């Protein structure tokens, strides 16, 4: 049986802005030129929270002190397979943002997020975060860069495609 990747993604919040990562540095990056939160793949034996804290520190230099598990996102894409992502927000941290070898980190006002080059599915879960939705499960199906299906809590959300 093939192992499916497990990842975390976190939107660190400060003064009505999220810390966003513009993925411009890595070669052969599925997220090339996209703006995303911070996070990454689980290491062997890690819990979601351990992965979250390690990735946040490695990518930003910040030590998270307050965070919330907001939902699980299932990504499927032909030739890529399936990825399960634990989605977090964080509103407490110590330290200073450092340079990231995966791209450029920038604080972006929440009301400006949709002006960025985002994955279409990210717009759906960012809306859910903005609405302070209760814990959710979101399945996003892509063909290349095109979102072909979005299923929220087992039902198709309205007005997403």
N, C-alpha and C. Protein backbone atom coordinates (compact mmCIF):
# COMPACT_ATOMS: atom_id res chain seq x y z
N UNK A 1 0.84 -1.19 0.00
CA UNK A 1 0.00 0.00 0.00
C UNK A 1 0.88 1.25 0.00
N UNK A 2 0.57 2.20 -0.88
CA UNK A 2 1.35 3.42 -1.01
C UNK A 2 1.08 4.36 0.15
N UNK A 3 2.16 4.92 0.72
CA UNK A 3 2.00 5.92 1.78
C UNK A 3 1.50 7.22 1.17
N UNK A 4 0.59 7.86 1.86
CA UNK A 4 0.06 9.16 1.43
C UNK A 4 0.70 10.25 2.26
N UNK A 5 1.14 11.33 1.61
CA UNK A 5 1.80 12.39 2.36
C UNK A 5 0.85 13.08 3.34
N UNK A 6 1.38 13.36 4.51
CA UNK A 6 0.70 14.14 5.53
C UNK A 6 1.49 15.44 5.69
N UNK A 7 0.76 16.54 5.70
CA UNK A 7 1.41 17.85 5.82
C UNK A 7 0.64 18.74 6.79
N UNK A 8 1.28 19.83 7.17
CA UNK A 8 0.61 20.89 7.92
C UNK A 8 0.69 22.17 7.10
N UNK A 9 -0.28 23.04 7.31
CA UNK A 9 -0.26 24.38 6.73
C UNK A 9 -0.80 25.31 7.80
N UNK A 10 -0.10 26.42 8.02
CA UNK A 10 -0.49 27.34 9.07
C UNK A 10 -0.49 28.77 8.55
N UNK A 11 -1.52 29.50 8.97
CA UNK A 11 -1.61 30.93 8.71
C UNK A 11 -1.35 31.64 10.03
N UNK A 12 -0.14 32.22 10.15
CA UNK A 12 0.24 32.97 11.34
C UNK A 12 -0.33 34.37 11.19
N UNK A 13 -1.00 34.82 12.26
CA UNK A 13 -1.76 36.06 12.21
C UNK A 13 -1.13 37.13 13.10
N UNK A 14 -1.12 38.37 12.56
CA UNK A 14 -0.66 39.53 13.33
C UNK A 14 -1.33 40.75 12.74
N UNK A 15 -2.04 41.52 13.56
CA UNK A 15 -2.63 42.80 13.15
C UNK A 15 -3.41 42.69 11.84
N UNK A 16 -4.37 41.74 11.80
CA UNK A 16 -5.25 41.55 10.63
C UNK A 16 -4.50 41.17 9.36
N UNK A 17 -3.32 40.56 9.53
CA UNK A 17 -2.54 40.08 8.38
C UNK A 17 -2.10 38.64 8.66
N UNK A 18 -1.86 37.90 7.58
CA UNK A 18 -1.28 36.56 7.66
C UNK A 18 0.14 36.60 7.11
N UNK A 19 1.00 35.80 7.71
CA UNK A 19 2.36 35.63 7.19
C UNK A 19 2.26 34.66 6.01
N UNK A 20 2.55 35.16 4.82
CA UNK A 20 2.42 34.37 3.60
C UNK A 20 3.80 34.09 3.01
N UNK A 21 3.91 32.94 2.36
CA UNK A 21 5.14 32.52 1.72
C UNK A 21 4.93 32.51 0.22
N UNK A 22 5.68 33.36 -0.48
CA UNK A 22 5.64 33.39 -1.95
C UNK A 22 6.70 32.40 -2.43
N UNK A 23 6.23 31.28 -2.98
CA UNK A 23 7.12 30.16 -3.34
C UNK A 23 7.84 30.44 -4.65
N UNK A 24 9.03 31.00 -4.56
CA UNK A 24 9.78 31.37 -5.75
C UNK A 24 11.19 30.78 -5.77
N UNK A 25 11.59 30.03 -4.76
CA UNK A 25 12.99 29.62 -4.63
C UNK A 25 13.30 28.17 -5.02
N UNK A 26 12.36 27.25 -4.79
CA UNK A 26 12.65 25.84 -5.01
C UNK A 26 12.39 25.44 -6.46
N UNK A 27 13.27 24.58 -7.00
CA UNK A 27 13.05 24.04 -8.34
C UNK A 27 12.06 22.89 -8.25
N UNK A 28 11.33 22.64 -9.33
CA UNK A 28 10.35 21.55 -9.39
C UNK A 28 9.37 21.61 -8.22
N UNK A 29 8.87 22.79 -7.93
CA UNK A 29 7.98 23.03 -6.81
C UNK A 29 6.54 23.05 -7.30
N UNK A 30 5.70 22.15 -6.76
CA UNK A 30 4.28 22.13 -7.14
C UNK A 30 3.61 23.47 -6.83
N UNK A 31 4.16 24.21 -5.87
CA UNK A 31 3.61 25.51 -5.48
C UNK A 31 4.35 26.70 -6.12
N UNK A 32 5.15 26.45 -7.14
CA UNK A 32 5.96 27.50 -7.77
C UNK A 32 5.11 28.74 -8.10
N UNK A 33 5.57 29.89 -7.65
CA UNK A 33 4.95 31.21 -7.88
C UNK A 33 3.63 31.42 -7.14
N UNK A 34 3.18 30.45 -6.34
CA UNK A 34 1.95 30.60 -5.56
C UNK A 34 2.29 31.22 -4.20
N UNK A 35 1.29 31.82 -3.59
CA UNK A 35 1.38 32.31 -2.22
C UNK A 35 0.63 31.32 -1.34
N UNK A 36 1.30 30.85 -0.29
CA UNK A 36 0.69 29.87 0.62
C UNK A 36 1.07 30.24 2.06
N UNK A 37 0.45 29.54 3.01
CA UNK A 37 0.87 29.67 4.40
C UNK A 37 2.18 28.92 4.59
N UNK A 38 2.56 28.71 5.83
CA UNK A 38 3.80 28.00 6.12
C UNK A 38 3.48 26.57 6.55
N UNK A 39 4.42 25.69 6.38
CA UNK A 39 4.21 24.31 6.79
C UNK A 39 5.00 23.35 5.95
N UNK A 40 4.67 22.06 6.09
CA UNK A 40 5.40 21.06 5.33
C UNK A 40 5.04 19.66 5.74
N UNK A 41 5.87 18.73 5.27
CA UNK A 41 5.62 17.30 5.48
C UNK A 41 6.01 16.83 6.89
N UNK A 42 5.23 15.88 7.38
CA UNK A 42 5.52 15.24 8.66
C UNK A 42 6.83 14.47 8.55
N UNK A 43 7.58 14.45 9.63
CA UNK A 43 8.71 13.54 9.75
C UNK A 43 8.23 12.31 10.52
N UNK A 44 8.94 11.22 10.38
CA UNK A 44 8.55 9.96 11.01
C UNK A 44 8.29 10.17 12.51
N UNK A 45 7.13 9.72 12.97
CA UNK A 45 6.80 9.75 14.38
C UNK A 45 6.23 11.07 14.89
N UNK A 46 6.14 12.10 14.04
CA UNK A 46 5.64 13.39 14.49
C UNK A 46 4.12 13.41 14.59
N UNK A 47 3.62 14.12 15.58
CA UNK A 47 2.19 14.45 15.65
C UNK A 47 1.96 15.67 14.77
N UNK A 48 0.69 15.98 14.46
CA UNK A 48 0.44 17.20 13.69
C UNK A 48 1.02 18.45 14.36
N UNK A 49 0.88 18.55 15.67
CA UNK A 49 1.37 19.73 16.38
C UNK A 49 2.90 19.80 16.35
N UNK A 50 3.57 18.66 16.48
CA UNK A 50 5.03 18.66 16.42
C UNK A 50 5.50 19.11 15.04
N UNK A 51 4.83 18.62 13.99
CA UNK A 51 5.17 19.04 12.63
C UNK A 51 4.93 20.54 12.45
N UNK A 52 3.79 21.01 12.91
CA UNK A 52 3.45 22.44 12.83
C UNK A 52 4.54 23.29 13.46
N UNK A 53 4.91 22.97 14.70
CA UNK A 53 5.88 23.79 15.43
C UNK A 53 7.26 23.73 14.79
N UNK A 54 7.69 22.55 14.35
CA UNK A 54 9.00 22.41 13.71
C UNK A 54 9.04 23.18 12.39
N UNK A 55 8.02 22.97 11.56
CA UNK A 55 7.99 23.66 10.25
C UNK A 55 7.91 25.18 10.42
N UNK A 56 7.11 25.64 11.36
CA UNK A 56 7.00 27.09 11.59
C UNK A 56 8.37 27.66 11.95
N UNK A 57 9.08 26.99 12.84
CA UNK A 57 10.38 27.48 13.26
C UNK A 57 11.39 27.41 12.11
N UNK A 58 11.42 26.27 11.40
CA UNK A 58 12.38 26.11 10.30
C UNK A 58 12.16 27.14 9.20
N UNK A 59 10.91 27.40 8.85
CA UNK A 59 10.62 28.28 7.72
C UNK A 59 10.64 29.76 8.07
N UNK A 60 10.32 30.09 9.34
CA UNK A 60 10.14 31.51 9.68
C UNK A 60 11.04 32.00 10.80
N UNK A 61 11.55 31.11 11.64
CA UNK A 61 12.28 31.53 12.82
C UNK A 61 11.38 31.83 14.00
N UNK A 62 10.06 31.69 13.82
CA UNK A 62 9.10 31.97 14.89
C UNK A 62 8.80 30.72 15.70
N UNK A 63 8.66 30.88 17.00
CA UNK A 63 8.20 29.81 17.88
C UNK A 63 6.75 30.11 18.21
N UNK A 64 5.86 29.26 17.71
CA UNK A 64 4.43 29.47 17.94
C UNK A 64 4.09 29.21 19.40
N UNK A 65 3.27 30.08 19.98
CA UNK A 65 2.87 29.93 21.38
C UNK A 65 1.36 29.75 21.52
N UNK A 66 0.60 30.03 20.46
CA UNK A 66 -0.85 29.88 20.48
C UNK A 66 -1.32 29.53 19.07
N UNK A 67 -2.00 28.39 18.94
CA UNK A 67 -2.47 27.95 17.63
C UNK A 67 -3.76 27.18 17.78
N UNK A 68 -4.45 27.01 16.64
CA UNK A 68 -5.73 26.30 16.63
C UNK A 68 -5.80 25.41 15.39
N UNK A 69 -6.17 24.14 15.59
CA UNK A 69 -6.37 23.18 14.50
C UNK A 69 -7.73 23.49 13.89
N UNK A 70 -7.76 23.94 12.63
CA UNK A 70 -8.99 24.45 12.02
C UNK A 70 -9.70 23.45 11.12
N UNK A 71 -8.93 22.53 10.50
CA UNK A 71 -9.58 21.58 9.61
C UNK A 71 -8.60 20.64 8.96
N UNK A 72 -9.14 19.67 8.25
CA UNK A 72 -8.33 18.73 7.46
C UNK A 72 -8.70 18.94 6.00
N UNK A 73 -7.68 19.06 5.17
CA UNK A 73 -7.89 19.28 3.74
C UNK A 73 -7.28 18.11 2.99
N UNK A 74 -8.07 17.49 2.13
CA UNK A 74 -7.62 16.38 1.29
C UNK A 74 -7.44 16.91 -0.12
N UNK A 75 -6.22 16.82 -0.64
CA UNK A 75 -5.93 17.22 -2.01
C UNK A 75 -5.77 15.98 -2.86
N UNK A 76 -6.41 15.95 -4.02
CA UNK A 76 -6.16 14.88 -4.99
C UNK A 76 -5.86 15.52 -6.33
N UNK A 77 -4.92 14.89 -7.04
CA UNK A 77 -4.53 15.38 -8.35
C UNK A 77 -3.93 14.22 -9.13
N UNK A 78 -4.38 14.07 -10.38
CA UNK A 78 -3.85 13.02 -11.24
C UNK A 78 -2.33 13.17 -11.34
N UNK A 79 -1.62 12.08 -11.30
CA UNK A 79 -0.16 12.01 -11.38
C UNK A 79 0.55 12.55 -10.13
N UNK A 80 -0.20 13.11 -9.19
CA UNK A 80 0.39 13.57 -7.92
C UNK A 80 -0.04 12.65 -6.80
N UNK A 81 -1.29 12.21 -6.85
CA UNK A 81 -1.82 11.36 -5.79
C UNK A 81 -2.64 12.16 -4.81
N UNK A 82 -2.64 11.72 -3.57
CA UNK A 82 -3.45 12.33 -2.52
C UNK A 82 -2.55 12.83 -1.41
N UNK A 83 -2.90 13.99 -0.88
CA UNK A 83 -2.19 14.58 0.26
C UNK A 83 -3.23 14.97 1.30
N UNK A 84 -2.93 14.70 2.55
CA UNK A 84 -3.80 15.08 3.66
C UNK A 84 -3.10 16.18 4.44
N UNK A 85 -3.77 17.32 4.57
CA UNK A 85 -3.16 18.48 5.19
C UNK A 85 -3.93 18.92 6.43
N UNK A 86 -3.22 19.09 7.53
CA UNK A 86 -3.79 19.61 8.77
C UNK A 86 -3.64 21.13 8.71
N UNK A 87 -4.77 21.83 8.75
CA UNK A 87 -4.80 23.28 8.59
C UNK A 87 -4.90 23.97 9.95
N UNK A 88 -4.01 24.92 10.19
CA UNK A 88 -3.95 25.64 11.46
C UNK A 88 -3.96 27.15 11.22
N UNK A 89 -4.36 27.87 12.27
CA UNK A 89 -4.06 29.29 12.38
C UNK A 89 -3.30 29.46 13.70
N UNK A 90 -2.48 30.49 13.75
CA UNK A 90 -1.72 30.78 14.97
C UNK A 90 -1.78 32.28 15.23
N UNK A 91 -2.03 32.62 16.49
CA UNK A 91 -2.13 34.04 16.83
C UNK A 91 -1.16 34.45 17.93
N UNK A 92 -0.22 33.56 18.26
CA UNK A 92 0.79 33.88 19.25
C UNK A 92 2.13 33.30 18.84
N UNK A 93 3.19 34.08 19.00
CA UNK A 93 4.52 33.60 18.64
C UNK A 93 5.57 34.48 19.31
N UNK A 94 6.78 33.94 19.38
CA UNK A 94 7.93 34.71 19.81
C UNK A 94 8.98 34.63 18.71
N UNK A 95 9.90 35.58 18.72
CA UNK A 95 10.97 35.59 17.73
C UNK A 95 10.69 36.57 16.62
N UNK A 96 11.62 36.63 15.69
CA UNK A 96 11.55 37.53 14.54
C UNK A 96 11.58 36.70 13.26
N UNK A 97 10.83 37.15 12.27
CA UNK A 97 10.80 36.45 10.98
C UNK A 97 12.18 36.51 10.34
N UNK A 98 12.65 35.34 9.87
CA UNK A 98 13.95 35.25 9.20
C UNK A 98 13.72 34.94 7.73
N UNK A 99 14.79 34.99 6.94
CA UNK A 99 14.70 34.63 5.53
C UNK A 99 14.38 33.14 5.42
N UNK A 100 13.61 32.80 4.39
CA UNK A 100 13.20 31.41 4.16
C UNK A 100 13.81 30.94 2.84
N UNK A 101 14.36 29.71 2.85
CA UNK A 101 14.98 29.19 1.63
C UNK A 101 13.96 28.66 0.62
N UNK A 102 12.67 28.69 0.96
CA UNK A 102 11.64 28.21 0.04
C UNK A 102 10.94 29.35 -0.71
N UNK A 103 11.24 30.58 -0.31
CA UNK A 103 10.60 31.72 -0.97
C UNK A 103 10.70 32.95 -0.09
N UNK A 104 9.81 33.91 -0.36
CA UNK A 104 9.82 35.19 0.34
C UNK A 104 8.64 35.24 1.30
N UNK A 105 8.92 35.53 2.57
CA UNK A 105 7.87 35.69 3.58
C UNK A 105 7.43 37.14 3.64
N UNK A 106 6.11 37.33 3.72
CA UNK A 106 5.59 38.69 3.76
C UNK A 106 4.26 38.71 4.53
N UNK A 107 4.10 39.72 5.40
CA UNK A 107 2.81 39.91 6.07
C UNK A 107 1.85 40.53 5.07
N UNK A 108 0.71 39.87 4.84
CA UNK A 108 -0.28 40.34 3.87
C UNK A 108 -1.60 40.55 4.60
N UNK A 109 -2.16 41.74 4.44
CA UNK A 109 -3.46 42.03 5.06
C UNK A 109 -4.50 41.02 4.56
N UNK A 110 -5.35 40.56 5.47
CA UNK A 110 -6.34 39.54 5.12
C UNK A 110 -7.25 39.98 3.97
N UNK A 111 -7.60 41.26 3.92
CA UNK A 111 -8.50 41.73 2.86
C UNK A 111 -7.79 41.87 1.51
N UNK A 112 -6.48 41.60 1.46
CA UNK A 112 -5.73 41.65 0.20
C UNK A 112 -5.34 40.26 -0.30
N UNK A 113 -5.66 39.22 0.46
CA UNK A 113 -5.22 37.87 0.11
C UNK A 113 -5.69 37.43 -1.27
N UNK A 114 -6.93 37.74 -1.62
CA UNK A 114 -7.48 37.26 -2.89
C UNK A 114 -6.84 37.94 -4.10
N UNK A 115 -6.04 38.97 -3.88
CA UNK A 115 -5.30 39.62 -4.97
C UNK A 115 -4.02 38.85 -5.32
N UNK A 116 -3.64 37.88 -4.48
CA UNK A 116 -2.41 37.12 -4.68
C UNK A 116 -2.65 35.94 -5.62
N UNK A 117 -1.57 35.36 -6.13
CA UNK A 117 -1.63 34.15 -6.94
C UNK A 117 -1.78 32.95 -5.99
N UNK A 118 -3.04 32.59 -5.72
CA UNK A 118 -3.37 31.50 -4.80
C UNK A 118 -3.92 30.31 -5.57
N UNK A 119 -3.81 29.12 -4.98
CA UNK A 119 -4.55 27.97 -5.48
C UNK A 119 -6.04 28.28 -5.30
N UNK A 120 -6.88 27.85 -6.25
CA UNK A 120 -8.32 28.11 -6.16
C UNK A 120 -8.91 27.52 -4.87
N UNK A 121 -8.46 26.32 -4.49
CA UNK A 121 -8.97 25.70 -3.28
C UNK A 121 -8.58 26.45 -2.02
N UNK A 122 -7.42 27.11 -2.04
CA UNK A 122 -7.00 27.89 -0.88
C UNK A 122 -7.98 29.02 -0.61
N UNK A 123 -8.56 29.57 -1.68
CA UNK A 123 -9.54 30.64 -1.51
C UNK A 123 -10.76 30.14 -0.72
N UNK A 124 -11.10 28.87 -0.92
CA UNK A 124 -12.23 28.29 -0.19
C UNK A 124 -11.92 28.19 1.29
N UNK A 125 -10.76 27.61 1.64
CA UNK A 125 -10.49 27.46 3.08
C UNK A 125 -10.10 28.78 3.73
N UNK A 126 -9.55 29.71 2.98
CA UNK A 126 -9.30 31.04 3.56
C UNK A 126 -10.62 31.72 3.90
N UNK A 127 -11.64 31.53 3.06
CA UNK A 127 -12.98 32.07 3.35
C UNK A 127 -13.54 31.42 4.61
N UNK A 128 -13.35 30.11 4.76
CA UNK A 128 -13.83 29.42 5.95
C UNK A 128 -13.12 29.94 7.21
N UNK A 129 -11.81 30.19 7.09
CA UNK A 129 -11.07 30.75 8.23
C UNK A 129 -11.59 32.15 8.57
N UNK A 130 -11.84 32.96 7.53
CA UNK A 130 -12.34 34.32 7.74
C UNK A 130 -13.68 34.31 8.46
N UNK A 131 -14.53 33.33 8.10
CA UNK A 131 -15.86 33.20 8.71
C UNK A 131 -15.81 32.50 10.08
N UNK A 132 -14.61 32.13 10.52
CA UNK A 132 -14.42 31.40 11.77
C UNK A 132 -15.29 30.14 11.81
N UNK A 133 -15.30 29.42 10.68
CA UNK A 133 -16.08 28.18 10.57
C UNK A 133 -15.60 27.18 11.62
N UNK A 134 -16.52 26.33 12.11
CA UNK A 134 -16.08 25.26 13.01
C UNK A 134 -15.19 24.28 12.26
N UNK A 135 -14.53 23.39 12.98
CA UNK A 135 -13.62 22.41 12.37
C UNK A 135 -14.29 21.79 11.15
N UNK A 136 -13.55 21.71 10.04
CA UNK A 136 -14.13 21.23 8.80
C UNK A 136 -13.21 20.24 8.09
N UNK A 137 -13.82 19.49 7.18
CA UNK A 137 -13.10 18.61 6.26
C UNK A 137 -13.41 19.10 4.85
N UNK A 138 -12.37 19.38 4.09
CA UNK A 138 -12.52 19.90 2.74
C UNK A 138 -11.71 19.04 1.79
N UNK A 139 -12.36 18.51 0.75
CA UNK A 139 -11.66 17.73 -0.28
C UNK A 139 -11.59 18.56 -1.54
N UNK A 140 -10.37 18.74 -2.05
CA UNK A 140 -10.12 19.53 -3.25
C UNK A 140 -9.51 18.63 -4.32
N UNK A 141 -10.13 18.58 -5.49
CA UNK A 141 -9.64 17.76 -6.59
C UNK A 141 -9.17 18.69 -7.71
N UNK A 142 -7.95 18.44 -8.17
CA UNK A 142 -7.35 19.26 -9.22
C UNK A 142 -7.01 18.42 -10.44
N UNK A 143 -7.09 19.08 -11.60
CA UNK A 143 -6.49 18.58 -12.84
C UNK A 143 -5.47 19.64 -13.21
N UNK A 144 -4.19 19.32 -13.00
CA UNK A 144 -3.15 20.34 -13.16
C UNK A 144 -3.39 21.43 -12.12
N UNK A 145 -3.44 22.68 -12.57
CA UNK A 145 -3.69 23.82 -11.67
C UNK A 145 -5.17 24.13 -11.52
N UNK A 146 -6.02 23.41 -12.24
CA UNK A 146 -7.46 23.72 -12.27
C UNK A 146 -8.22 22.91 -11.22
N UNK A 147 -8.94 23.60 -10.36
CA UNK A 147 -9.79 22.96 -9.37
C UNK A 147 -11.03 22.42 -10.07
N UNK A 148 -11.27 21.12 -9.94
CA UNK A 148 -12.42 20.51 -10.62
C UNK A 148 -13.53 20.11 -9.66
N UNK A 149 -13.21 19.98 -8.37
CA UNK A 149 -14.23 19.61 -7.39
C UNK A 149 -13.80 20.10 -6.01
N UNK A 150 -14.78 20.58 -5.25
CA UNK A 150 -14.56 20.95 -3.86
C UNK A 150 -15.73 20.41 -3.05
N UNK A 151 -15.41 19.60 -2.05
CA UNK A 151 -16.45 18.99 -1.23
C UNK A 151 -16.18 19.35 0.23
N UNK A 152 -17.14 20.05 0.84
CA UNK A 152 -17.00 20.50 2.23
C UNK A 152 -17.85 19.61 3.12
N UNK A 153 -17.23 18.99 4.11
CA UNK A 153 -17.92 18.14 5.07
C UNK A 153 -18.85 17.13 4.38
N UNK A 154 -18.37 16.59 3.26
CA UNK A 154 -19.12 15.55 2.56
C UNK A 154 -20.15 16.04 1.57
N UNK A 155 -20.31 17.36 1.44
CA UNK A 155 -21.29 17.92 0.51
C UNK A 155 -20.64 19.02 -0.31
N UNK A 156 -21.06 19.21 -1.55
CA UNK A 156 -20.48 20.27 -2.39
C UNK A 156 -20.86 21.64 -1.83
N UNK A 157 -19.86 22.48 -1.54
CA UNK A 157 -20.18 23.83 -1.09
C UNK A 157 -20.76 24.63 -2.25
N UNK A 158 -21.60 25.57 -1.94
CA UNK A 158 -22.22 26.39 -2.96
C UNK A 158 -21.25 27.47 -3.46
N UNK A 159 -21.39 27.76 -4.73
CA UNK A 159 -20.66 28.89 -5.34
C UNK A 159 -19.15 28.81 -5.21
N UNK A 160 -18.57 27.60 -5.29
CA UNK A 160 -17.11 27.54 -5.18
C UNK A 160 -16.47 27.23 -6.52
N UNK A 161 -17.19 26.64 -7.45
CA UNK A 161 -16.57 26.31 -8.74
C UNK A 161 -17.24 27.06 -9.88
